[in-house]
Every structure is written in structure tokens, then in C-alpha cells.
Amino acid sequence: MDFNNLIQTVLIYALPVIFAITVHEAAHGYAAKRFGDDTAWMLGRMTLNPIKHIDPLGTLLMPVLIYFATAGAFVFGYAKPVPVRFDRLRHPKRDMVWVALAGPGANLLQALLWAILLFVLIALGLNTQASERFFLEMCRAGVLVNVVMFAFNLFPLPPLDGGRVLVGLLPNKQAYWLARVEPWGFFIVLGLVILGVVSTYWMQPVMRLTYDLLDVLLTPFAYLLR
């Protein structure tokens, strides 16, 4: 593995990843407070300080180990979840959906903003010097990272956000049974990721739809910057 390419990749992805994780987790906290639960605020987790959201194992060690173990073919990690007391929400079952959607929604918005910045930089002609190309690659990385986080977190199995959305939408009996999966949900999802099930049957289709949505949203900006 080329060490110089590794360092360059880390530098390109560092800022987009930090923003993607931090804003995602903070969005959960802000949404929870909006709907009645101030647990995240009281614990200082309603912040854009990335240090508050970094999990030493899931955010730092695990992605690096998996990256080297797979020669850069696969990376998996997670941040420290923002604590939410769903029983303290004003309408727990309904509000759970909005709190869960806040994180992926923040990633979708960031993907759009990185894409707009990319359009602006290209329109300004910033694509000739190596330093200028670095910023273009960072913008592309910002779009990719946030689209990946948006799609992955919507996978419909607790404790992922999509699972909590599904729990909030299902009738009580079915929601109860799905919620009981949560203690083992992480290991189930990790197994499905390793087997390629999540990538083939969820990530790829959802990411394609997300990019199509971004293309539609970016149409006015593309027209204005011609």
C-alpha cells in the first residue's frame, strides 16, 4: 500500500468525515430537545465539537484496522451515539421518527452543500493547480461520505436510525418485536455488511436514488453557474 497515497486520502477525507459525524450526532440532540428530551443538552452532547462525538474504538481504531486488513477496499466505523430518552419525548412513538431522521437528514443536507461548493469551485476554474485539485477532491469526498452515511443509517434495523424510524411507524405489536432486536442489531448489521448483503441490496440502490435526488436539487445551481 502506497503510504503517500494513504496520507493524501486521509487528508482529503478528514474534514468531511469529522463534519459528517459531528453534525449527524448533534442533529439528533437538537431534534430530541425540540421534541421534549434535553438529555443530550444536559450531558453536553448538543455540540459541534467533534471530540464529544468520537468513540475511540468505533471512530478511530476500528476504521483504521479494517482499512489495512482489507487493503483499503472496505471501511466501517461509528460515532458515540447521542443519548436520547425516548420516553421523555412529548409523543414518544411519533417523535422518535423525527429524532431518528434528523441525523441522516443532516448528512443529506451536507452532501448537497459539498456538491454546491464543488460546482462553485469548478465554475471559478479552480482545477489546474495541485492545491486546487485537493479542494475539489475534498468536496467530492464530502458528497460521498455523507451519501454513504445517509444511506447506511437508514438501514431498517435498530439501533440504526432507519430501524428506529421503522419502529416508530409500525403498529405497536410489530414495533415491539423489532425493538427487541436492538441489543444484537449492531452485530447483525456488521455481519450483513461483511457478507455484502447491505452493500448489494441496500447501499447501492439507496445511494443511486440519493445521487439522483441531488442531481435534481443541483439543477438550478448548474444552470446559474454555466
C-alpha atoms as a PDB file:
ATOM      1  CA  MET A   1       0.000   0.000   0.000  1.00  0.00           C
ATOM      2  CA  ASP A   2       1.422   3.393  -1.016  1.00  0.00           C
ATOM      3  CA  PHE A   3       1.974   5.361   2.204  1.00  0.00           C
ATOM      4  CA  ASN A   4       1.900   8.736   0.414  1.00  0.00           C
ATOM      5  CA  ASN A   5      -1.465   7.904  -1.174  1.00  0.00           C
ATOM      6  CA  LEU A   6      -2.766   6.843   2.232  1.00  0.00           C
ATOM      7  CA  ILE A   7      -1.761  10.151   3.816  1.00  0.00           C
ATOM      8  CA  GLN A   8      -3.315  12.092   0.940  1.00  0.00           C
ATOM      9  CA  THR A   9      -6.548  10.093   1.247  1.00  0.00           C
ATOM     10  CA  VAL A  10      -6.682  10.729   4.997  1.00  0.00           C
ATOM     11  CA  LEU A  11      -6.168  14.465   4.488  1.00  0.00           C
ATOM     12  CA  ILE A  12      -8.861  14.633   1.799  1.00  0.00           C
ATOM     13  CA  TYR A  13     -11.429  12.739   3.865  1.00  0.00           C
ATOM     14  CA  ALA A  14     -10.598  14.040   7.355  1.00  0.00           C
ATOM     15  CA  LEU A  15     -12.665  17.244   7.303  1.00  0.00           C
ATOM     16  CA  PRO A  16     -15.714  15.766   5.515  1.00  0.00           C
ATOM     17  CA  VAL A  17     -15.777  12.794   7.907  1.00  0.00           C
ATOM     18  CA  ILE A  18     -15.456  14.996  11.008  1.00  0.00           C
ATOM     19  CA  PHE A  19     -18.274  17.257   9.833  1.00  0.00           C
ATOM     20  CA  ALA A  20     -20.438  14.315   8.736  1.00  0.00           C
ATOM     21  CA  ILE A  21     -20.180  12.570  12.103  1.00  0.00           C
ATOM     22  CA  THR A  22     -20.395  15.683  14.272  1.00  0.00           C
ATOM     23  CA  VAL A  23     -23.368  17.322  12.576  1.00  0.00           C
ATOM     24  CA  HIS A  24     -25.179  13.964  12.337  1.00  0.00           C
ATOM     25  CA  GLU A  25     -24.949  13.349  16.081  1.00  0.00           C
ATOM     26  CA  ALA A  26     -25.629  16.958  17.051  1.00  0.00           C
ATOM     27  CA  ALA A  27     -28.751  16.911  14.850  1.00  0.00           C
ATOM     28  CA  HIS A  28     -30.154  14.030  16.896  1.00  0.00           C
ATOM     29  CA  GLY A  29     -29.592  16.049  20.067  1.00  0.00           C
ATOM     30  CA  TYR A  30     -31.216  19.200  18.687  1.00  0.00           C
ATOM     31  CA  ALA A  31     -34.223  17.242  17.422  1.00  0.00           C
ATOM     32  CA  ALA A  32     -34.627  15.434  20.745  1.00  0.00           C
ATOM     33  CA  LYS A  33     -34.575  18.730  22.639  1.00  0.00           C
ATOM     34  CA  ARG A  34     -37.079  20.194  20.191  1.00  0.00           C
ATOM     35  CA  PHE A  35     -39.470  17.321  20.972  1.00  0.00           C
ATOM     36  CA  GLY A  36     -39.026  17.382  24.735  1.00  0.00           C
ATOM     37  CA  ASP A  37     -35.913  15.415  25.738  1.00  0.00           C
ATOM     38  CA  ASP A  38     -32.981  17.541  26.915  1.00  0.00           C
ATOM     39  CA  THR A  39     -30.724  14.614  27.903  1.00  0.00           C
ATOM     40  CA  ALA A  40     -28.155  15.336  25.186  1.00  0.00           C
ATOM     41  CA  TRP A  41     -28.135  19.029  26.082  1.00  0.00           C
ATOM     42  CA  MET A  42     -27.618  18.322  29.784  1.00  0.00           C
ATOM     43  CA  LEU A  43     -24.704  15.977  29.011  1.00  0.00           C
ATOM     44  CA  GLY A  44     -23.019  18.481  26.681  1.00  0.00           C
ATOM     45  CA  ARG A  45     -23.613  16.387  23.554  1.00  0.00           C
ATOM     46  CA  MET A  46     -25.620  19.040  21.708  1.00  0.00           C
ATOM     47  CA  THR A  47     -22.432  20.482  20.277  1.00  0.00           C
ATOM     48  CA  LEU A  48     -20.443  20.697  17.054  1.00  0.00           C
ATOM     49  CA  ASN A  49     -17.253  19.865  18.970  1.00  0.00           C
ATOM     50  CA  PRO A  50     -16.130  16.609  17.272  1.00  0.00           C
ATOM     51  CA  ILE A  51     -14.259  15.423  20.368  1.00  0.00           C
ATOM     52  CA  LYS A  52     -17.585  14.995  22.161  1.00  0.00           C
ATOM     53  CA  HIS A  53     -18.811  12.574  19.476  1.00  0.00           C
ATOM     54  CA  ILE A  54     -15.674  10.498  18.839  1.00  0.00           C
ATOM     55  CA  ASP A  55     -15.687   6.918  20.053  1.00  0.00           C
ATOM     56  CA  PRO A  56     -12.039   5.744  20.446  1.00  0.00           C
ATOM     57  CA  LEU A  57     -12.878   2.234  19.235  1.00  0.00           C
ATOM     58  CA  GLY A  58     -15.571   2.863  16.634  1.00  0.00           C
ATOM     59  CA  THR A  59     -14.381   6.176  15.172  1.00  0.00           C
ATOM     60  CA  LEU A  60     -10.607   5.775  15.316  1.00  0.00           C
ATOM     61  CA  LEU A  61      -9.314   2.238  15.858  1.00  0.00           C
ATOM     62  CA  MET A  62     -11.885   0.112  14.011  1.00  0.00           C
ATOM     63  CA  PRO A  63     -11.869   2.037  10.674  1.00  0.00           C
ATOM     64  CA  VAL A  64      -8.050   2.048  10.558  1.00  0.00           C
ATOM     65  CA  LEU A  65      -7.775  -1.678  11.343  1.00  0.00           C
ATOM     66  CA  ILE A  66     -10.436  -2.619   8.789  1.00  0.00           C
ATOM     67  CA  TYR A  67      -8.884  -0.314   6.179  1.00  0.00           C
ATOM     68  CA  PHE A  68      -5.494  -2.014   6.480  1.00  0.00           C
ATOM     69  CA  ALA A  69      -6.981  -5.514   6.826  1.00  0.00           C
ATOM     70  CA  THR A  70      -8.867  -5.106   3.523  1.00  0.00           C
ATOM     71  CA  ALA A  71      -6.151  -3.097   1.737  1.00  0.00           C
ATOM     72  CA  GLY A  72      -8.451  -0.102   1.564  1.00  0.00           C
ATOM     73  CA  ALA A  73     -11.344  -1.973  -0.007  1.00  0.00           C
ATOM     74  CA  PHE A  74     -13.701  -1.537   2.929  1.00  0.00           C
ATOM     75  CA  VAL A  75     -14.076   0.825   5.883  1.00  0.00           C
ATOM     76  CA  PHE A  76     -16.559   0.602   8.727  1.00  0.00           C
ATOM     77  CA  GLY A  77     -16.921   2.670  11.878  1.00  0.00           C
ATOM     78  CA  TYR A  78     -19.295   4.551  14.119  1.00  0.00           C
ATOM     79  CA  ALA A  79     -19.501   7.571  16.405  1.00  0.00           C
ATOM     80  CA  LYS A  80     -20.564   7.769  20.027  1.00  0.00           C
ATOM     81  CA  PRO A  81     -24.395   7.811  19.888  1.00  0.00           C
ATOM     82  CA  VAL A  82     -26.135  10.867  21.302  1.00  0.00           C
ATOM     83  CA  PRO A  83     -28.207   9.764  24.325  1.00  0.00           C
ATOM     84  CA  VAL A  84     -31.940  10.120  23.758  1.00  0.00           C
ATOM     85  CA  ARG A  85     -34.618   9.246  26.303  1.00  0.00           C
ATOM     86  CA  PHE A  86     -37.493   8.377  24.002  1.00  0.00           C
ATOM     87  CA  ASP A  87     -39.851   8.100  26.968  1.00  0.00           C
ATOM     88  CA  ARG A  88     -39.275  11.803  27.652  1.00  0.00           C
ATOM     89  CA  LEU A  89     -40.418  12.883  24.197  1.00  0.00           C
ATOM     90  CA  ARG A  90     -43.842  14.519  24.158  1.00  0.00           C
ATOM     91  CA  HIS A  91     -45.192  11.886  21.749  1.00  0.00           C
ATOM     92  CA  PRO A  92     -42.580   9.095  22.028  1.00  0.00           C
ATOM     93  CA  LYS A  93     -43.578   6.860  19.124  1.00  0.00           C
ATOM     94  CA  ARG A  94     -44.189   9.683  16.673  1.00  0.00           C
ATOM     95  CA  ASP A  95     -41.353  11.948  17.766  1.00  0.00           C
ATOM     96  CA  MET A  96     -38.885   9.047  17.670  1.00  0.00           C
ATOM     97  CA  VAL A  97     -39.233   9.086  13.894  1.00  0.00           C
ATOM     98  CA  TRP A  98     -38.247  12.746  13.619  1.00  0.00           C
ATOM     99  CA  VAL A  99     -35.344  12.408  16.057  1.00  0.00           C
ATOM    100  CA  ALA A 100     -34.036   9.398  14.118  1.00  0.00           C
ATOM    101  CA  LEU A 101     -34.415  11.154  10.750  1.00  0.00           C
ATOM    102  CA  ALA A 102     -32.554  14.246  11.960  1.00  0.00           C
ATOM    103  CA  GLY A 103     -29.146  12.567  11.644  1.00  0.00           C
ATOM    104  CA  PRO A 104     -29.492  11.234   8.076  1.00  0.00           C
ATOM    105  CA  GLY A 105     -31.249  14.472   7.135  1.00  0.00           C
ATOM    106  CA  ALA A 106     -28.188  16.409   8.305  1.00  0.00           C
ATOM    107  CA  ASN A 107     -25.996  14.186   6.112  1.00  0.00           C
ATOM    108  CA  LEU A 108     -28.212  14.731   3.075  1.00  0.00           C
ATOM    109  CA  LEU A 109     -28.003  18.499   3.594  1.00  0.00           C
ATOM    110  CA  GLN A 110     -24.218  18.323   3.934  1.00  0.00           C
ATOM    111  CA  ALA A 111     -23.939  16.270   0.746  1.00  0.00           C
ATOM    112  CA  LEU A 112     -25.902  18.979  -1.046  1.00  0.00           C
ATOM    113  CA  LEU A 113     -23.699  21.762   0.384  1.00  0.00           C
ATOM    114  CA  TRP A 114     -20.469  19.966  -0.560  1.00  0.00           C
ATOM    115  CA  ALA A 115     -21.845  19.458  -4.080  1.00  0.00           C
ATOM    116  CA  ILE A 116     -22.761  23.140  -4.378  1.00  0.00           C
ATOM    117  CA  LEU A 117     -19.254  24.109  -3.233  1.00  0.00           C
ATOM    118  CA  LEU A 118     -17.815  21.740  -5.845  1.00  0.00           C
ATOM    119  CA  PHE A 119     -19.931  23.395  -8.565  1.00  0.00           C
ATOM    120  CA  VAL A 120     -18.764  26.844  -7.445  1.00  0.00           C
ATOM    121  CA  LEU A 121     -15.070  25.885  -7.392  1.00  0.00           C
ATOM    122  CA  ILE A 122     -15.294  24.328 -10.858  1.00  0.00           C
ATOM    123  CA  ALA A 123     -17.145  27.393 -12.163  1.00  0.00           C
ATOM    124  CA  LEU A 124     -14.329  29.570 -10.802  1.00  0.00           C
ATOM    125  CA  GLY A 125     -11.807  27.480 -12.726  1.00  0.00           C
ATOM    126  CA  LEU A 126     -10.082  26.048  -9.655  1.00  0.00           C
ATOM    127  CA  ASN A 127      -8.908  22.795 -11.185  1.00  0.00           C
ATOM    128  CA  THR A 128      -5.417  23.379 -12.537  1.00  0.00           C
ATOM    129  CA  GLN A 129      -3.035  23.529  -9.570  1.00  0.00           C
ATOM    130  CA  ALA A 130      -2.439  20.553  -7.266  1.00  0.00           C
ATOM    131  CA  SER A 131      -3.661  22.552  -4.252  1.00  0.00           C
ATOM    132  CA  GLU A 132      -6.841  23.472  -6.118  1.00  0.00           C
ATOM    133  CA  ARG A 133      -7.470  19.848  -7.119  1.00  0.00           C
ATOM    134  CA  PHE A 134      -7.083  18.901  -3.442  1.00  0.00           C
ATOM    135  CA  PHE A 135     -10.090  21.058  -2.544  1.00  0.00           C
ATOM    136  CA  LEU A 136     -12.107  19.625  -5.422  1.00  0.00           C
ATOM    137  CA  GLU A 137     -11.348  16.100  -4.202  1.00  0.00           C
ATOM    138  CA  MET A 138     -12.329  17.147  -0.682  1.00  0.00           C
ATOM    139  CA  CYS A 139     -15.699  18.341  -1.982  1.00  0.00           C
ATOM    140  CA  ARG A 140     -16.220  15.051  -3.833  1.00  0.00           C
ATOM    141  CA  ALA A 141     -15.257  13.197  -0.663  1.00  0.00           C
ATOM    142  CA  GLY A 142     -17.749  15.313   1.276  1.00  0.00           C
ATOM    143  CA  VAL A 143     -20.544  14.293  -1.069  1.00  0.00           C
ATOM    144  CA  LEU A 144     -19.562  10.611  -0.978  1.00  0.00           C
ATOM    145  CA  VAL A 145     -19.108  10.386   2.803  1.00  0.00           C
ATOM    146  CA  ASN A 146     -22.452  12.000   3.518  1.00  0.00           C
ATOM    147  CA  VAL A 147     -24.331   9.975   0.915  1.00  0.00           C
ATOM    148  CA  VAL A 148     -22.841   6.803   2.417  1.00  0.00           C
ATOM    149  CA  MET A 149     -23.795   7.874   5.945  1.00  0.00           C
ATOM    150  CA  PHE A 150     -27.271   8.874   4.800  1.00  0.00           C
ATOM    151  CA  ALA A 151     -27.894   5.523   3.109  1.00  0.00           C
ATOM    152  CA  PHE A 152     -26.274   3.329   5.749  1.00  0.00           C
ATOM    153  CA  ASN A 153     -28.004   4.933   8.725  1.00  0.00           C
ATOM    154  CA  LEU A 154     -31.393   4.462   7.058  1.00  0.00           C
ATOM    155  CA  PHE A 155     -30.943   0.674   7.013  1.00  0.00           C
ATOM    156  CA  PRO A 156     -34.171  -0.517   8.689  1.00  0.00           C
ATOM    157  CA  LEU A 157     -32.777  -2.334  11.709  1.00  0.00           C
ATOM    158  CA  PRO A 158     -32.224  -0.927  15.222  1.00  0.00           C
ATOM    159  CA  PRO A 159     -30.033   0.599  16.530  1.00  0.00           C
ATOM    160  CA  LEU A 160     -29.540   2.347  13.174  1.00  0.00           C
ATOM    161  CA  ASP A 161     -31.728   5.372  12.517  1.00  0.00           C
ATOM    162  CA  GLY A 162     -33.751   3.555   9.863  1.00  0.00           C
ATOM    163  CA  GLY A 163     -34.621   0.871  12.387  1.00  0.00           C
ATOM    164  CA  ARG A 164     -35.886   3.452  14.839  1.00  0.00           C
ATOM    165  CA  VAL A 165     -37.916   5.109  12.091  1.00  0.00           C
ATOM    166  CA  LEU A 166     -39.479   1.729  11.304  1.00  0.00           C
ATOM    167  CA  VAL A 167     -40.229   1.103  14.991  1.00  0.00           C
ATOM    168  CA  GLY A 168     -41.999   4.453  15.111  1.00  0.00           C
ATOM    169  CA  LEU A 169     -44.070   3.707  12.017  1.00  0.00           C
ATOM    170  CA  LEU A 170     -45.084   0.097  12.675  1.00  0.00           C
ATOM    171  CA  PRO A 171     -48.158  -0.896  14.717  1.00  0.00           C
ATOM    172  CA  ASN A 172     -47.358  -1.392  18.402  1.00  0.00           C
ATOM    173  CA  LYS A 173     -47.091  -5.190  18.331  1.00  0.00           C
ATOM    174  CA  GLN A 174     -44.724  -5.315  15.349  1.00  0.00           C
ATOM    175  CA  ALA A 175     -42.788  -2.300  16.655  1.00  0.00           C
ATOM    176  CA  TYR A 176     -42.255  -4.094  19.983  1.00  0.00           C
ATOM    177  CA  TRP A 177     -40.790  -7.168  18.319  1.00  0.00           C
ATOM    178  CA  LEU A 178     -38.494  -5.121  16.100  1.00  0.00           C
ATOM    179  CA  ALA A 179     -37.319  -3.018  19.058  1.00  0.00           C
ATOM    180  CA  ARG A 180     -36.268  -6.203  20.855  1.00  0.00           C
ATOM    181  CA  VAL A 181     -33.640  -6.786  18.148  1.00  0.00           C
ATOM    182  CA  GLU A 182     -31.713  -3.641  19.149  1.00  0.00           C
ATOM    183  CA  PRO A 183     -29.220  -5.249  21.609  1.00  0.00           C
ATOM    184  CA  TRP A 184     -27.988  -7.517  18.801  1.00  0.00           C
ATOM    185  CA  GLY A 185     -28.717  -5.171  15.910  1.00  0.00           C
ATOM    186  CA  PHE A 186     -25.161  -3.853  15.579  1.00  0.00           C
ATOM    187  CA  PHE A 187     -23.704  -7.359  15.246  1.00  0.00           C
ATOM    188  CA  ILE A 188     -26.411  -8.387  12.788  1.00  0.00           C
ATOM    189  CA  VAL A 189     -25.737  -5.331  10.633  1.00  0.00           C
ATOM    190  CA  LEU A 190     -21.968  -5.877  10.805  1.00  0.00           C
ATOM    191  CA  GLY A 191     -22.433  -9.496   9.694  1.00  0.00           C
ATOM    192  CA  LEU A 192     -24.672  -8.425   6.809  1.00  0.00           C
ATOM    193  CA  VAL A 193     -22.084  -5.809   5.810  1.00  0.00           C
ATOM    194  CA  ILE A 194     -19.276  -8.380   5.760  1.00  0.00           C
ATOM    195  CA  LEU A 195     -21.426 -10.775   3.708  1.00  0.00           C
ATOM    196  CA  GLY A 196     -22.127  -7.994   1.181  1.00  0.00           C
ATOM    197  CA  VAL A 197     -25.889  -8.069   1.746  1.00  0.00           C
ATOM    198  CA  VAL A 198     -26.119  -4.473   2.920  1.00  0.00           C
ATOM    199  CA  SER A 199     -23.966  -3.188   0.061  1.00  0.00           C
ATOM    200  CA  THR A 200     -25.764  -5.077  -2.713  1.00  0.00           C
ATOM    201  CA  TYR A 201     -29.381  -4.902  -1.618  1.00  0.00           C
ATOM    202  CA  TRP A 202     -29.447  -1.634   0.334  1.00  0.00           C
ATOM    203  CA  MET A 203     -26.486   0.713  -0.059  1.00  0.00           C
ATOM    204  CA  GLN A 204     -26.172   0.643  -3.829  1.00  0.00           C
ATOM    205  CA  PRO A 205     -29.880   1.194  -4.611  1.00  0.00           C
ATOM    206  CA  VAL A 206     -30.342   3.867  -1.920  1.00  0.00           C
ATOM    207  CA  MET A 207     -27.148   5.670  -2.919  1.00  0.00           C
ATOM    208  CA  ARG A 208     -28.243   5.714  -6.575  1.00  0.00           C
ATOM    209  CA  LEU A 209     -31.580   7.237  -5.576  1.00  0.00           C
ATOM    210  CA  THR A 210     -29.795   9.764  -3.349  1.00  0.00           C
ATOM    211  CA  TYR A 211     -27.473  10.860  -6.148  1.00  0.00           C
ATOM    212  CA  ASP A 212     -30.487  11.191  -8.448  1.00  0.00           C
ATOM    213  CA  LEU A 213     -32.165  13.405  -5.841  1.00  0.00           C
ATOM    214  CA  LEU A 214     -29.015  15.528  -5.506  1.00  0.00           C
ATOM    215  CA  ASP A 215     -28.880  15.921  -9.290  1.00  0.00           C
ATOM    216  CA  VAL A 216     -32.429  17.274  -9.265  1.00  0.00           C
ATOM    217  CA  LEU A 217     -31.692  19.662  -6.378  1.00  0.00           C
ATOM    218  CA  LEU A 218     -28.481  20.852  -8.049  1.00  0.00           C
ATOM    219  CA  THR A 219     -30.092  21.584 -11.408  1.00  0.00           C
ATOM    220  CA  PRO A 220     -30.767  25.281 -10.610  1.00  0.00           C
ATOM    221  CA  PHE A 221     -27.164  25.783  -9.423  1.00  0.00           C
ATOM    222  CA  ALA A 222     -25.762  24.072 -12.525  1.00  0.00           C
ATOM    223  CA  TYR A 223     -27.894  26.373 -14.685  1.00  0.00           C
ATOM    224  CA  LEU A 224     -26.820  29.527 -12.816  1.00  0.00           C
ATOM    225  CA  LEU A 225     -23.115  28.655 -12.937  1.00  0.00           C
ATOM    226  CA  ARG A 226     -22.943  27.910 -16.667  1.00  0.00           C
END
